[in-house]
Amino acid sequence: MDPISQVNPVLDALRKQLAENIERLRKSGKLAAGARPERAASSGAGAEGLEAVLRRRLSSLDRRSAEGLGAATRIFIEAALVAEFGAGLVADPAFGAMVAEISDSLRQDEHTREQLDRLLTGL
């Protein structure tokens, strides 16, 4: 399986985690209750764009270490969210904390972490 075809299951897990985190952040008042951002691209073009962004942003990271894979996960989460929901999401003050929390949460699940690591080392 090529790395980009592994993105969809990881994105599904990310969407689920994101929905949970957004709801919790909104309830706590840390995230504005504004309108949902529109999807940035169609799934075909978005996947190609996401892969190109990930390859560029991950190129300087050593993904053989736990720290490198943790950083790569945060980059993946951020890039996937921007590709999925648009660049306007980055302007939200809670975005960085949300990315870190989602990354940590996904890396705590062994199966998801293994999928992420395979994906990220293959790019």
PDB file of N, CA and C in Angstrom:
ATOM      1  N   MET A   1       0.857  -1.176   0.000  1.00  0.00           N
ATOM      2  CA  MET A   1       0.000   0.000   0.000  1.00  0.00           C
ATOM      3  C   MET A   1       0.903   1.240   0.000  1.00  0.00           C
ATOM      4  N   ASP A   2       0.661   2.152  -0.948  1.00  0.00           N
ATOM      5  CA  ASP A   2       1.482   3.364  -0.991  1.00  0.00           C
ATOM      6  C   ASP A   2       1.056   4.322   0.120  1.00  0.00           C
ATOM      7  N   PRO A   3       1.978   5.217   0.534  1.00  0.00           N
ATOM      8  CA  PRO A   3       1.691   6.088   1.684  1.00  0.00           C
ATOM      9  C   PRO A   3       0.425   6.918   1.563  1.00  0.00           C
ATOM     10  N   ILE A   4       0.135   7.450   0.376  1.00  0.00           N
ATOM     11  CA  ILE A   4      -1.025   8.329   0.270  1.00  0.00           C
ATOM     12  C   ILE A   4      -2.326   7.544   0.406  1.00  0.00           C
ATOM     13  N   SER A   5      -2.342   6.260   0.009  1.00  0.00           N
ATOM     14  CA  SER A   5      -3.569   5.480   0.170  1.00  0.00           C
ATOM     15  C   SER A   5      -3.820   5.149   1.643  1.00  0.00           C
ATOM     16  N   GLN A   6      -2.803   5.329   2.488  1.00  0.00           N
ATOM     17  CA  GLN A   6      -2.964   5.116   3.920  1.00  0.00           C
ATOM     18  C   GLN A   6      -3.554   6.346   4.601  1.00  0.00           C
ATOM     19  N   VAL A   7      -3.658   7.452   3.879  1.00  0.00           N
ATOM     20  CA  VAL A   7      -4.132   8.700   4.470  1.00  0.00           C
ATOM     21  C   VAL A   7      -5.596   8.611   4.868  1.00  0.00           C
ATOM     22  N   ASN A   8      -6.449   7.992   4.055  1.00  0.00           N
ATOM     23  CA  ASN A   8      -7.889   7.991   4.343  1.00  0.00           C
ATOM     24  C   ASN A   8      -8.249   7.394   5.699  1.00  0.00           C
ATOM     25  N   PRO A   9      -7.728   6.214   6.095  1.00  0.00           N
ATOM     26  CA  PRO A   9      -8.074   5.713   7.431  1.00  0.00           C
ATOM     27  C   PRO A   9      -7.571   6.645   8.544  1.00  0.00           C
ATOM     28  N   VAL A  10      -6.413   7.227   8.350  1.00  0.00           N
ATOM     29  CA  VAL A  10      -5.869   8.137   9.353  1.00  0.00           C
ATOM     30  C   VAL A  10      -6.717   9.405   9.396  1.00  0.00           C
ATOM     31  N   LEU A  11      -7.137   9.900   8.221  1.00  0.00           N
ATOM     32  CA  LEU A  11      -8.006  11.078   8.193  1.00  0.00           C
ATOM     33  C   LEU A  11      -9.352  10.793   8.848  1.00  0.00           C
ATOM     34  N   ASP A  12      -9.864   9.581   8.682  1.00  0.00           N
ATOM     35  CA  ASP A  12     -11.125   9.227   9.342  1.00  0.00           C
ATOM     36  C   ASP A  12     -10.979   9.301  10.859  1.00  0.00           C
ATOM     37  N   ALA A  13      -9.874   8.775  11.369  1.00  0.00           N
ATOM     38  CA  ALA A  13      -9.622   8.852  12.815  1.00  0.00           C
ATOM     39  C   ALA A  13      -9.445  10.304  13.242  1.00  0.00           C
ATOM     40  N   LEU A  14      -8.771  11.071  12.398  1.00  0.00           N
ATOM     41  CA  LEU A  14      -8.558  12.486  12.690  1.00  0.00           C
ATOM     42  C   LEU A  14      -9.886  13.247  12.708  1.00  0.00           C
ATOM     43  N   ARG A  15     -10.756  12.991  11.755  1.00  0.00           N
ATOM     44  CA  ARG A  15     -12.063  13.659  11.716  1.00  0.00           C
ATOM     45  C   ARG A  15     -12.859  13.374  12.991  1.00  0.00           C
ATOM     46  N   LYS A  16     -12.837  12.116  13.417  1.00  0.00           N
ATOM     47  CA  LYS A  16     -13.560  11.747  14.625  1.00  0.00           C
ATOM     48  C   LYS A  16     -12.990  12.490  15.834  1.00  0.00           C
ATOM     49  N   GLN A  17     -11.669  12.474  15.960  1.00  0.00           N
ATOM     50  CA  GLN A  17     -11.022  13.146  17.090  1.00  0.00           C
ATOM     51  C   GLN A  17     -11.250  14.644  17.024  1.00  0.00           C
ATOM     52  N   LEU A  18     -11.192  15.208  15.831  1.00  0.00           N
ATOM     53  CA  LEU A  18     -11.403  16.644  15.669  1.00  0.00           C
ATOM     54  C   LEU A  18     -12.810  17.038  16.100  1.00  0.00           C
ATOM     55  N   ALA A  19     -13.800  16.275  15.678  1.00  0.00           N
ATOM     56  CA  ALA A  19     -15.180  16.596  16.047  1.00  0.00           C
ATOM     57  C   ALA A  19     -15.358  16.586  17.561  1.00  0.00           C
ATOM     58  N   GLU A  20     -14.763  15.600  18.213  1.00  0.00           N
ATOM     59  CA  GLU A  20     -14.843  15.529  19.679  1.00  0.00           C
ATOM     60  C   GLU A  20     -14.145  16.724  20.316  1.00  0.00           C
ATOM     61  N   ASN A  21     -12.954  17.060  19.822  1.00  0.00           N
ATOM     62  CA  ASN A  21     -12.195  18.172  20.400  1.00  0.00           C
ATOM     63  C   ASN A  21     -12.858  19.518  20.144  1.00  0.00           C
ATOM     64  N   ILE A  22     -13.399  19.713  18.964  1.00  0.00           N
ATOM     65  CA  ILE A  22     -14.069  20.977  18.659  1.00  0.00           C
ATOM     66  C   ILE A  22     -15.261  21.170  19.583  1.00  0.00           C
ATOM     67  N   GLU A  23     -16.032  20.128  19.765  1.00  0.00           N
ATOM     68  CA  GLU A  23     -17.204  20.230  20.643  1.00  0.00           C
ATOM     69  C   GLU A  23     -16.780  20.551  22.075  1.00  0.00           C
ATOM     70  N   ARG A  24     -15.751  19.878  22.561  1.00  0.00           N
ATOM     71  CA  ARG A  24     -15.280  20.118  23.923  1.00  0.00           C
ATOM     72  C   ARG A  24     -14.720  21.523  24.069  1.00  0.00           C
ATOM     73  N   LEU A  25     -13.941  21.996  23.074  1.00  0.00           N
ATOM     74  CA  LEU A  25     -13.375  23.350  23.131  1.00  0.00           C
ATOM     75  C   LEU A  25     -14.473  24.407  23.061  1.00  0.00           C
ATOM     76  N   ARG A  26     -15.483  24.176  22.266  1.00  0.00           N
ATOM     77  CA  ARG A  26     -16.595  25.140  22.183  1.00  0.00           C
ATOM     78  C   ARG A  26     -17.358  25.203  23.502  1.00  0.00           C
ATOM     79  N   LYS A  27     -17.603  24.046  24.098  1.00  0.00           N
ATOM     80  CA  LYS A  27     -18.312  24.017  25.376  1.00  0.00           C
ATOM     81  C   LYS A  27     -17.537  24.725  26.471  1.00  0.00           C
ATOM     82  N   SER A  28     -16.196  24.636  26.398  1.00  0.00           N
ATOM     83  CA  SER A  28     -15.375  25.279  27.429  1.00  0.00           C
ATOM     84  C   SER A  28     -15.131  26.753  27.123  1.00  0.00           C
ATOM     85  N   GLY A  29     -15.567  27.226  25.950  1.00  0.00           N
ATOM     86  CA  GLY A  29     -15.397  28.630  25.584  1.00  0.00           C
ATOM     87  C   GLY A  29     -14.041  28.950  24.988  1.00  0.00           C
ATOM     88  N   LYS A  30     -13.216  27.930  24.713  1.00  0.00           N
ATOM     89  CA  LYS A  30     -11.880  28.164  24.161  1.00  0.00           C
ATOM     90  C   LYS A  30     -11.886  28.289  22.639  1.00  0.00           C
ATOM     91  N   LEU A  31     -12.984  27.936  22.012  1.00  0.00           N
ATOM     92  CA  LEU A  31     -13.090  28.004  20.559  1.00  0.00           C
ATOM     93  C   LEU A  31     -14.392  28.707  20.218  1.00  0.00           C
ATOM     94  N   ALA A  32     -14.304  29.661  19.313  1.00  0.00           N
ATOM     95  CA  ALA A  32     -15.491  30.424  18.926  1.00  0.00           C
ATOM     96  C   ALA A  32     -16.541  29.490  18.340  1.00  0.00           C
ATOM     97  N   ALA A  33     -17.776  29.807  18.593  1.00  0.00           N
ATOM     98  CA  ALA A  33     -18.883  28.980  18.115  1.00  0.00           C
ATOM     99  C   ALA A  33     -19.356  29.426  16.746  1.00  0.00           C
ATOM    100  N   GLY A  34     -18.472  29.986  15.929  1.00  0.00           N
ATOM    101  CA  GLY A  34     -18.821  30.491  14.610  1.00  0.00           C
ATOM    102  C   GLY A  34     -19.181  29.387  13.642  1.00  0.00           C
ATOM    103  N   ALA A  35     -19.428  29.802  12.428  1.00  0.00           N
ATOM    104  CA  ALA A  35     -19.813  28.852  11.385  1.00  0.00           C
ATOM    105  C   ALA A  35     -18.670  27.896  11.094  1.00  0.00           C
ATOM    106  N   ARG A  36     -19.028  26.705  10.656  1.00  0.00           N
ATOM    107  CA  ARG A  36     -18.031  25.710  10.296  1.00  0.00           C
ATOM    108  C   ARG A  36     -17.321  26.152   9.023  1.00  0.00           C
ATOM    109  N   PRO A  37     -15.991  25.998   8.955  1.00  0.00           N
ATOM    110  CA  PRO A  37     -15.280  26.337   7.736  1.00  0.00           C
ATOM    111  C   PRO A  37     -15.677  25.395   6.607  1.00  0.00           C
ATOM    112  N   GLU A  38     -15.661  25.892   5.395  1.00  0.00           N
ATOM    113  CA  GLU A  38     -15.978  25.045   4.255  1.00  0.00           C
ATOM    114  C   GLU A  38     -14.796  24.168   3.927  1.00  0.00           C
ATOM    115  N   ARG A  39     -15.080  23.027   3.360  1.00  0.00           N
ATOM    116  CA  ARG A  39     -14.021  22.115   2.945  1.00  0.00           C
ATOM    117  C   ARG A  39     -13.169  22.804   1.901  1.00  0.00           C
ATOM    118  N   ALA A  40     -11.848  22.683   2.039  1.00  0.00           N
ATOM    119  CA  ALA A  40     -10.920  23.432   1.203  1.00  0.00           C
ATOM    120  C   ALA A  40     -10.841  22.919  -0.225  1.00  0.00           C
ATOM    121  N   ALA A  41     -10.937  21.624  -0.410  1.00  0.00           N
ATOM    122  CA  ALA A  41     -10.745  21.084  -1.752  1.00  0.00           C
ATOM    123  C   ALA A  41     -11.552  19.806  -1.904  1.00  0.00           C
ATOM    124  N   SER A  42     -11.758  19.423  -3.149  1.00  0.00           N
ATOM    125  CA  SER A  42     -12.411  18.137  -3.374  1.00  0.00           C
ATOM    126  C   SER A  42     -11.456  17.035  -2.961  1.00  0.00           C
ATOM    127  N   SER A  43     -11.982  15.849  -2.672  1.00  0.00           N
ATOM    128  CA  SER A  43     -11.141  14.807  -2.110  1.00  0.00           C
ATOM    129  C   SER A  43      -9.989  14.404  -3.021  1.00  0.00           C
ATOM    130  N   GLY A  44     -10.164  14.359  -4.332  1.00  0.00           N
ATOM    131  CA  GLY A  44      -9.065  13.990  -5.217  1.00  0.00           C
ATOM    132  C   GLY A  44      -7.968  15.023  -5.222  1.00  0.00           C
ATOM    133  N   ALA A  45      -8.302  16.273  -5.465  1.00  0.00           N
ATOM    134  CA  ALA A  45      -7.307  17.335  -5.502  1.00  0.00           C
ATOM    135  C   ALA A  45      -6.733  17.585  -4.121  1.00  0.00           C
ATOM    136  N   GLY A  46      -7.571  17.459  -3.079  1.00  0.00           N
ATOM    137  CA  GLY A  46      -7.105  17.684  -1.722  1.00  0.00           C
ATOM    138  C   GLY A  46      -6.058  16.671  -1.307  1.00  0.00           C
ATOM    139  N   ALA A  47      -6.251  15.399  -1.683  1.00  0.00           N
ATOM    140  CA  ALA A  47      -5.292  14.367  -1.322  1.00  0.00           C
ATOM    141  C   ALA A  47      -3.948  14.624  -1.991  1.00  0.00           C
ATOM    142  N   GLU A  48      -3.949  15.005  -3.264  1.00  0.00           N
ATOM    143  CA  GLU A  48      -2.690  15.315  -3.951  1.00  0.00           C
ATOM    144  C   GLU A  48      -2.023  16.531  -3.327  1.00  0.00           C
ATOM    145  N   GLY A  49      -2.789  17.550  -3.043  1.00  0.00           N
ATOM    146  CA  GLY A  49      -2.237  18.739  -2.421  1.00  0.00           C
ATOM    147  C   GLY A  49      -1.691  18.433  -1.036  1.00  0.00           C
ATOM    148  N   LEU A  50      -2.397  17.611  -0.295  1.00  0.00           N
ATOM    149  CA  LEU A  50      -1.959  17.240   1.043  1.00  0.00           C
ATOM    150  C   LEU A  50      -0.634  16.486   0.977  1.00  0.00           C
ATOM    151  N   GLU A  51      -0.529  15.556   0.054  1.00  0.00           N
ATOM    152  CA  GLU A  51       0.718  14.796  -0.063  1.00  0.00           C
ATOM    153  C   GLU A  51       1.888  15.710  -0.387  1.00  0.00           C
ATOM    154  N   ALA A  52       1.701  16.648  -1.308  1.00  0.00           N
ATOM    155  CA  ALA A  52       2.780  17.572  -1.671  1.00  0.00           C
ATOM    156  C   ALA A  52       3.184  18.443  -0.483  1.00  0.00           C
ATOM    157  N   VAL A  53       2.194  18.951   0.242  1.00  0.00           N
ATOM    158  CA  VAL A  53       2.476  19.772   1.427  1.00  0.00           C
ATOM    159  C   VAL A  53       3.224  18.949   2.464  1.00  0.00           C
ATOM    160  N   LEU A  54       2.773  17.729   2.697  1.00  0.00           N
ATOM    161  CA  LEU A  54       3.425  16.876   3.695  1.00  0.00           C
ATOM    162  C   LEU A  54       4.861  16.553   3.301  1.00  0.00           C
ATOM    163  N   ARG A  55       5.081  16.199   2.050  1.00  0.00           N
ATOM    164  CA  ARG A  55       6.454  15.893   1.609  1.00  0.00           C
ATOM    165  C   ARG A  55       7.373  17.088   1.833  1.00  0.00           C
ATOM    166  N   ARG A  56       6.897  18.279   1.505  1.00  0.00           N
ATOM    167  CA  ARG A  56       7.719  19.486   1.671  1.00  0.00           C
ATOM    168  C   ARG A  56       7.979  19.765   3.144  1.00  0.00           C
ATOM    169  N   ARG A  57       6.945  19.720   3.953  1.00  0.00           N
ATOM    170  CA  ARG A  57       7.092  20.086   5.368  1.00  0.00           C
ATOM    171  C   ARG A  57       7.809  19.022   6.185  1.00  0.00           C
ATOM    172  N   LEU A  58       7.734  17.763   5.754  1.00  0.00           N
ATOM    173  CA  LEU A  58       8.378  16.686   6.496  1.00  0.00           C
ATOM    174  C   LEU A  58       9.815  16.419   6.053  1.00  0.00           C
ATOM    175  N   SER A  59      10.222  17.005   4.945  1.00  0.00           N
ATOM    176  CA  SER A  59      11.529  16.684   4.369  1.00  0.00           C
ATOM    177  C   SER A  59      12.701  16.944   5.311  1.00  0.00           C
ATOM    178  N   SER A  60      12.596  17.915   6.183  1.00  0.00           N
ATOM    179  CA  SER A  60      13.725  18.243   7.059  1.00  0.00           C
ATOM    180  C   SER A  60      13.681  17.511   8.406  1.00  0.00           C
ATOM    181  N   LEU A  61      12.650  16.711   8.643  1.00  0.00           N
ATOM    182  CA  LEU A  61      12.517  16.012   9.925  1.00  0.00           C
ATOM    183  C   LEU A  61      13.151  14.631   9.888  1.00  0.00           C
ATOM    184  N   ASP A  62      13.789  14.256  10.993  1.00  0.00           N
ATOM    185  CA  ASP A  62      14.272  12.888  11.162  1.00  0.00           C
ATOM    186  C   ASP A  62      13.116  12.070  11.728  1.00  0.00           C
ATOM    187  N   ARG A  63      12.482  11.287  10.872  1.00  0.00           N
ATOM    188  CA  ARG A  63      11.301  10.534  11.285  1.00  0.00           C
ATOM    189  C   ARG A  63      11.653   9.143  11.800  1.00  0.00           C
ATOM    190  N   ARG A  64      12.934   8.953  12.150  1.00  0.00           N
ATOM    191  CA  ARG A  64      13.345   7.667  12.723  1.00  0.00           C
ATOM    192  C   ARG A  64      13.268   7.690  14.248  1.00  0.00           C
ATOM    193  N   SER A  65      13.089   8.853  14.834  1.00  0.00           N
ATOM    194  CA  SER A  65      13.021   8.964  16.293  1.00  0.00           C
ATOM    195  C   SER A  65      11.588   9.230  16.736  1.00  0.00           C
ATOM    196  N   ALA A  66      11.334   8.947  18.007  1.00  0.00           N
ATOM    197  CA  ALA A  66      10.000   9.215  18.563  1.00  0.00           C
ATOM    198  C   ALA A  66       9.680  10.703  18.506  1.00  0.00           C
ATOM    199  N   GLU A  67      10.662  11.540  18.787  1.00  0.00           N
ATOM    200  CA  GLU A  67      10.440  12.992  18.745  1.00  0.00           C
ATOM    201  C   GLU A  67      10.126  13.448  17.321  1.00  0.00           C
ATOM    202  N   GLY A  68      10.861  12.914  16.361  1.00  0.00           N
ATOM    203  CA  GLY A  68      10.617  13.265  14.966  1.00  0.00           C
ATOM    204  C   GLY A  68       9.242  12.827  14.500  1.00  0.00           C
ATOM    205  N   LEU A  69       8.838  11.631  14.907  1.00  0.00           N
ATOM    206  CA  LEU A  69       7.508  11.148  14.536  1.00  0.00           C
ATOM    207  C   LEU A  69       6.418  11.958  15.229  1.00  0.00           C
ATOM    208  N   GLY A  70       6.672  12.399  16.457  1.00  0.00           N
ATOM    209  CA  GLY A  70       5.708  13.262  17.145  1.00  0.00           C
ATOM    210  C   GLY A  70       5.543  14.584  16.421  1.00  0.00           C
ATOM    211  N   ALA A  71       6.671  15.186  16.014  1.00  0.00           N
ATOM    212  CA  ALA A  71       6.623  16.443  15.261  1.00  0.00           C
ATOM    213  C   ALA A  71       5.949  16.230  13.907  1.00  0.00           C
ATOM    214  N   ALA A  72       6.263  15.108  13.259  1.00  0.00           N
ATOM    215  CA  ALA A  72       5.658  14.798  11.966  1.00  0.00           C
ATOM    216  C   ALA A  72       4.144  14.613  12.110  1.00  0.00           C
ATOM    217  N   THR A  73       3.711  14.026  13.209  1.00  0.00           N
ATOM    218  CA  THR A  73       2.280  13.857  13.452  1.00  0.00           C
ATOM    219  C   THR A  73       1.595  15.207  13.568  1.00  0.00           C
ATOM    220  N   ARG A  74       2.201  16.127  14.310  1.00  0.00           N
ATOM    221  CA  ARG A  74       1.608  17.465  14.444  1.00  0.00           C
ATOM    222  C   ARG A  74       1.538  18.163  13.082  1.00  0.00           C
ATOM    223  N   ILE A  75       2.587  18.018  12.275  1.00  0.00           N
ATOM    224  CA  ILE A  75       2.576  18.614  10.931  1.00  0.00           C
ATOM    225  C   ILE A  75       1.467  17.978  10.091  1.00  0.00           C
ATOM    226  N   PHE A  76       1.329  16.658  10.181  1.00  0.00           N
ATOM    227  CA  PHE A  76       0.283  15.967   9.435  1.00  0.00           C
ATOM    228  C   PHE A  76      -1.102  16.463   9.848  1.00  0.00           C
ATOM    229  N   ILE A  77      -1.330  16.547  11.153  1.00  0.00           N
ATOM    230  CA  ILE A  77      -2.638  16.989  11.654  1.00  0.00           C
ATOM    231  C   ILE A  77      -2.943  18.395  11.139  1.00  0.00           C
ATOM    232  N   GLU A  78      -1.975  19.290  11.291  1.00  0.00           N
ATOM    233  CA  GLU A  78      -2.187  20.667  10.849  1.00  0.00           C
ATOM    234  C   GLU A  78      -2.473  20.728   9.350  1.00  0.00           C
ATOM    235  N   ALA A  79      -1.654  20.036   8.549  1.00  0.00           N
ATOM    236  CA  ALA A  79      -1.832  20.061   7.095  1.00  0.00           C
ATOM    237  C   ALA A  79      -3.165  19.435   6.684  1.00  0.00           C
ATOM    238  N   ALA A  80      -3.549  18.342   7.346  1.00  0.00           N
ATOM    239  CA  ALA A  80      -4.815  17.682   7.013  1.00  0.00           C
ATOM    240  C   ALA A  80      -6.002  18.572   7.362  1.00  0.00           C
ATOM    241  N   LEU A  81      -5.930  19.236   8.503  1.00  0.00           N
ATOM    242  CA  LEU A  81      -7.022  20.132   8.894  1.00  0.00           C
ATOM    243  C   LEU A  81      -7.141  21.312   7.945  1.00  0.00           C
ATOM    244  N   VAL A  82      -6.017  21.879   7.549  1.00  0.00           N
ATOM    245  CA  VAL A  82      -6.043  23.000   6.607  1.00  0.00           C
ATOM    246  C   VAL A  82      -6.581  22.533   5.258  1.00  0.00           C
ATOM    247  N   ALA A  83      -6.145  21.352   4.794  1.00  0.00           N
ATOM    248  CA  ALA A  83      -6.643  20.824   3.515  1.00  0.00           C
ATOM    249  C   ALA A  83      -8.138  20.534   3.591  1.00  0.00           C
ATOM    250  N   GLU A  84      -8.584  20.073   4.732  1.00  0.00           N
ATOM    251  CA  GLU A  84      -9.987  19.679   4.906  1.00  0.00           C
ATOM    252  C   GLU A  84     -10.905  20.869   5.142  1.00  0.00           C
ATOM    253  N   PHE A  85     -10.459  21.834   5.965  1.00  0.00           N
ATOM    254  CA  PHE A  85     -11.350  22.899   6.423  1.00  0.00           C
ATOM    255  C   PHE A  85     -10.934  24.306   5.993  1.00  0.00           C
ATOM    256  N   GLY A  86      -9.791  24.441   5.367  1.00  0.00           N
ATOM    257  CA  GLY A  86      -9.352  25.752   4.892  1.00  0.00           C
ATOM    258  C   GLY A  86      -8.347  26.422   5.810  1.00  0.00           C
ATOM    259  N   ALA A  87      -7.564  27.319   5.232  1.00  0.00           N
ATOM    260  CA  ALA A  87      -6.482  27.986   5.948  1.00  0.00           C
ATOM    261  C   ALA A  87      -6.979  28.930   7.033  1.00  0.00           C
ATOM    262  N   GLY A  88      -8.234  29.347   6.971  1.00  0.00           N
ATOM    263  CA  GLY A  88      -8.779  30.234   7.986  1.00  0.00           C
ATOM    264  C   GLY A  88      -8.757  29.623   9.376  1.00  0.00           C
ATOM    265  N   LEU A  89      -8.743  28.308   9.447  1.00  0.00           N
ATOM    266  CA  LEU A  89      -8.693  27.619  10.730  1.00  0.00           C
ATOM    267  C   LEU A  89      -7.429  27.966  11.510  1.00  0.00           C
ATOM    268  N   VAL A  90      -6.331  28.213  10.804  1.00  0.00           N
ATOM    269  CA  VAL A  90      -5.048  28.515  11.443  1.00  0.00           C
ATOM    270  C   VAL A  90      -5.119  29.803  12.249  1.00  0.00           C
ATOM    271  N   ALA A  91      -5.979  30.713  11.873  1.00  0.00           N
ATOM    272  CA  ALA A  91      -6.083  32.004  12.564  1.00  0.00           C
ATOM    273  C   ALA A  91      -6.757  31.894  13.930  1.00  0.00           C
ATOM    274  N   ASP A  92      -7.446  30.793  14.177  1.00  0.00           N
ATOM    275  CA  ASP A  92      -8.107  30.642  15.465  1.00  0.00           C
ATOM    276  C   ASP A  92      -7.053  30.488  16.560  1.00  0.00           C
ATOM    277  N   PRO A  93      -7.148  31.264  17.632  1.00  0.00           N
ATOM    278  CA  PRO A  93      -6.156  31.195  18.705  1.00  0.00           C
ATOM    279  C   PRO A  93      -6.032  29.813  19.355  1.00  0.00           C
ATOM    280  N   ALA A  94      -7.069  29.013  19.285  1.00  0.00           N
ATOM    281  CA  ALA A  94      -7.032  27.687  19.902  1.00  0.00           C
ATOM    282  C   ALA A  94      -6.501  26.609  18.959  1.00  0.00           C
ATOM    283  N   PHE A  95      -6.159  26.978  17.726  1.00  0.00           N
ATOM    284  CA  PHE A  95      -5.768  25.985  16.727  1.00  0.00           C
ATOM    285  C   PHE A  95      -4.516  25.209  17.146  1.00  0.00           C
ATOM    286  N   GLY A  96      -3.488  25.894  17.583  1.00  0.00           N
ATOM    287  CA  GLY A  96      -2.241  25.218  17.965  1.00  0.00           C
ATOM    288  C   GLY A  96      -2.447  24.220  19.088  1.00  0.00           C
ATOM    289  N   ALA A  97      -3.197  24.628  20.091  1.00  0.00           N
ATOM    290  CA  ALA A  97      -3.477  23.728  21.212  1.00  0.00           C
ATOM    291  C   ALA A  97      -4.312  22.538  20.750  1.00  0.00           C
ATOM    292  N   MET A  98      -5.258  22.796  19.844  1.00  0.00           N
ATOM    293  CA  MET A  98      -6.092  21.723  19.335  1.00  0.00           C
ATOM    294  C   MET A  98      -5.248  20.719  18.540  1.00  0.00           C
ATOM    295  N   VAL A  99      -4.328  21.209  17.710  1.00  0.00           N
ATOM    296  CA  VAL A  99      -3.447  20.325  16.937  1.00  0.00           C
ATOM    297  C   VAL A  99      -2.607  19.467  17.880  1.00  0.00           C
ATOM    298  N   ALA A 100      -2.034  20.094  18.895  1.00  0.00           N
ATOM    299  CA  ALA A 100      -1.213  19.349  19.860  1.00  0.00           C
ATOM    300  C   ALA A 100      -2.036  18.291  20.586  1.00  0.00           C
ATOM    301  N   GLU A 101      -3.234  18.654  20.994  1.00  0.00           N
ATOM    302  CA  GLU A 101      -4.091  17.721  21.727  1.00  0.00           C
ATOM    303  C   GLU A 101      -4.521  16.552  20.846  1.00  0.00           C
ATOM    304  N   ILE A 102      -4.889  16.832  19.610  1.00  0.00           N
ATOM    305  CA  ILE A 102      -5.286  15.761  18.691  1.00  0.00           C
ATOM    306  C   ILE A 102      -4.093  14.857  18.412  1.00  0.00           C
ATOM    307  N   SER A 103      -2.934  15.448  18.179  1.00  0.00           N
ATOM    308  CA  SER A 103      -1.723  14.659  17.911  1.00  0.00           C
ATOM    309  C   SER A 103      -1.420  13.728  19.075  1.00  0.00           C
ATOM    310  N   ASP A 104      -1.430  14.283  20.271  1.00  0.00           N
ATOM    311  CA  ASP A 104      -1.155  13.473  21.462  1.00  0.00           C
ATOM    312  C   ASP A 104      -2.175  12.350  21.610  1.00  0.00           C
ATOM    313  N   SER A 105      -3.428  12.686  21.384  1.00  0.00           N
ATOM    314  CA  SER A 105      -4.493  11.703  21.523  1.00  0.00           C
ATOM    315  C   SER A 105      -4.350  10.578  20.504  1.00  0.00           C
ATOM    316  N   LEU A 106      -4.081  10.917  19.258  1.00  0.00           N
ATOM    317  CA  LEU A 106      -3.921   9.899  18.218  1.00  0.00           C
ATOM    318  C   LEU A 106      -2.698   9.033  18.476  1.00  0.00           C
ATOM    319  N   ARG A 107      -1.635   9.608  18.990  1.00  0.00           N
ATOM    320  CA  ARG A 107      -0.416   8.847  19.246  1.00  0.00           C
ATOM    321  C   ARG A 107      -0.565   7.952  20.471  1.00  0.00           C
ATOM    322  N   GLN A 108      -1.547   8.196  21.316  1.00  0.00           N
ATOM    323  CA  GLN A 108      -1.754   7.341  22.488  1.00  0.00           C
ATOM    324  C   GLN A 108      -2.397   6.009  22.114  1.00  0.00           C
ATOM    325  N   ASP A 109      -3.154   5.994  21.020  1.00  0.00           N
ATOM    326  CA  ASP A 109      -3.784   4.757  20.554  1.00  0.00           C
ATOM    327  C   ASP A 109      -2.767   3.981  19.725  1.00  0.00           C
ATOM    328  N   GLU A 110      -2.421   2.770  20.164  1.00  0.00           N
ATOM    329  CA  GLU A 110      -1.356   2.002  19.517  1.00  0.00           C
ATOM    330  C   GLU A 110      -1.609   1.753  18.030  1.00  0.00           C
ATOM    331  N   HIS A 111      -2.817   1.338  17.689  1.00  0.00           N
ATOM    332  CA  HIS A 111      -3.132   1.030  16.287  1.00  0.00           C
ATOM    333  C   HIS A 111      -3.026   2.286  15.415  1.00  0.00           C
ATOM    334  N   THR A 112      -3.590   3.381  15.881  1.00  0.00           N
ATOM    335  CA  THR A 112      -3.536   4.635  15.125  1.00  0.00           C
ATOM    336  C   THR A 112      -2.110   5.130  15.013  1.00  0.00           C
ATOM    337  N   ARG A 113      -1.336   5.028  16.108  1.00  0.00           N
ATOM    338  CA  ARG A 113       0.064   5.448  16.088  1.00  0.00           C
ATOM    339  C   ARG A 113       0.857   4.643  15.050  1.00  0.00           C
ATOM    340  N   GLU A 114       0.622   3.337  14.990  1.00  0.00           N
ATOM    341  CA  GLU A 114       1.322   2.503  14.011  1.00  0.00           C
ATOM    342  C   GLU A 114       0.959   2.918  12.585  1.00  0.00           C
ATOM    343  N   GLN A 115      -0.331   3.201  12.335  1.00  0.00           N
ATOM    344  CA  GLN A 115      -0.753   3.663  11.013  1.00  0.00           C
ATOM    345  C   GLN A 115      -0.076   4.990  10.668  1.00  0.00           C
ATOM    346  N   LEU A 116      -0.091   5.903  11.624  1.00  0.00           N
ATOM    347  CA  LEU A 116       0.547   7.211  11.404  1.00  0.00           C
ATOM    348  C   LEU A 116       2.039   7.048  11.111  1.00  0.00           C
ATOM    349  N   ASP A 117       2.710   6.230  11.906  1.00  0.00           N
ATOM    350  CA  ASP A 117       4.153   6.048  11.729  1.00  0.00           C
ATOM    351  C   ASP A 117       4.472   5.461  10.359  1.00  0.00           C
ATOM    352  N   ARG A 118       3.682   4.477   9.915  1.00  0.00           N
ATOM    353  CA  ARG A 118       3.889   3.915   8.566  1.00  0.00           C
ATOM    354  C   ARG A 118       3.685   4.969   7.496  1.00  0.00           C
ATOM    355  N   LEU A 119       2.617   5.729   7.657  1.00  0.00           N
ATOM    356  CA  LEU A 119       2.311   6.792   6.699  1.00  0.00           C
ATOM    357  C   LEU A 119       3.429   7.821   6.654  1.00  0.00           C
ATOM    358  N   LEU A 120       3.828   8.306   7.823  1.00  0.00           N
ATOM    359  CA  LEU A 120       4.795   9.399   7.898  1.00  0.00           C
ATOM    360  C   LEU A 120       6.204   8.987   7.496  1.00  0.00           C
ATOM    361  N   THR A 121       6.592   7.758   7.781  1.00  0.00           N
ATOM    362  CA  THR A 121       7.927   7.323   7.359  1.00  0.00           C
ATOM    363  C   THR A 121       7.957   7.014   5.866  1.00  0.00           C
ATOM    364  N   GLY A 122       6.782   6.734   5.284  1.00  0.00           N
ATOM    365  CA  GLY A 122       6.713   6.423   3.857  1.00  0.00           C
ATOM    366  C   GLY A 122       6.673   7.644   2.957  1.00  0.00           C
ATOM    367  N   LEU A 123       6.457   8.823   3.518  1.00  0.00           N
ATOM    368  CA  LEU A 123       6.394  10.040   2.699  1.00  0.00           C
ATOM    369  C   LEU A 123       7.784  10.618   2.479  1.00  0.00           C
TER     370      LEU A 123
END
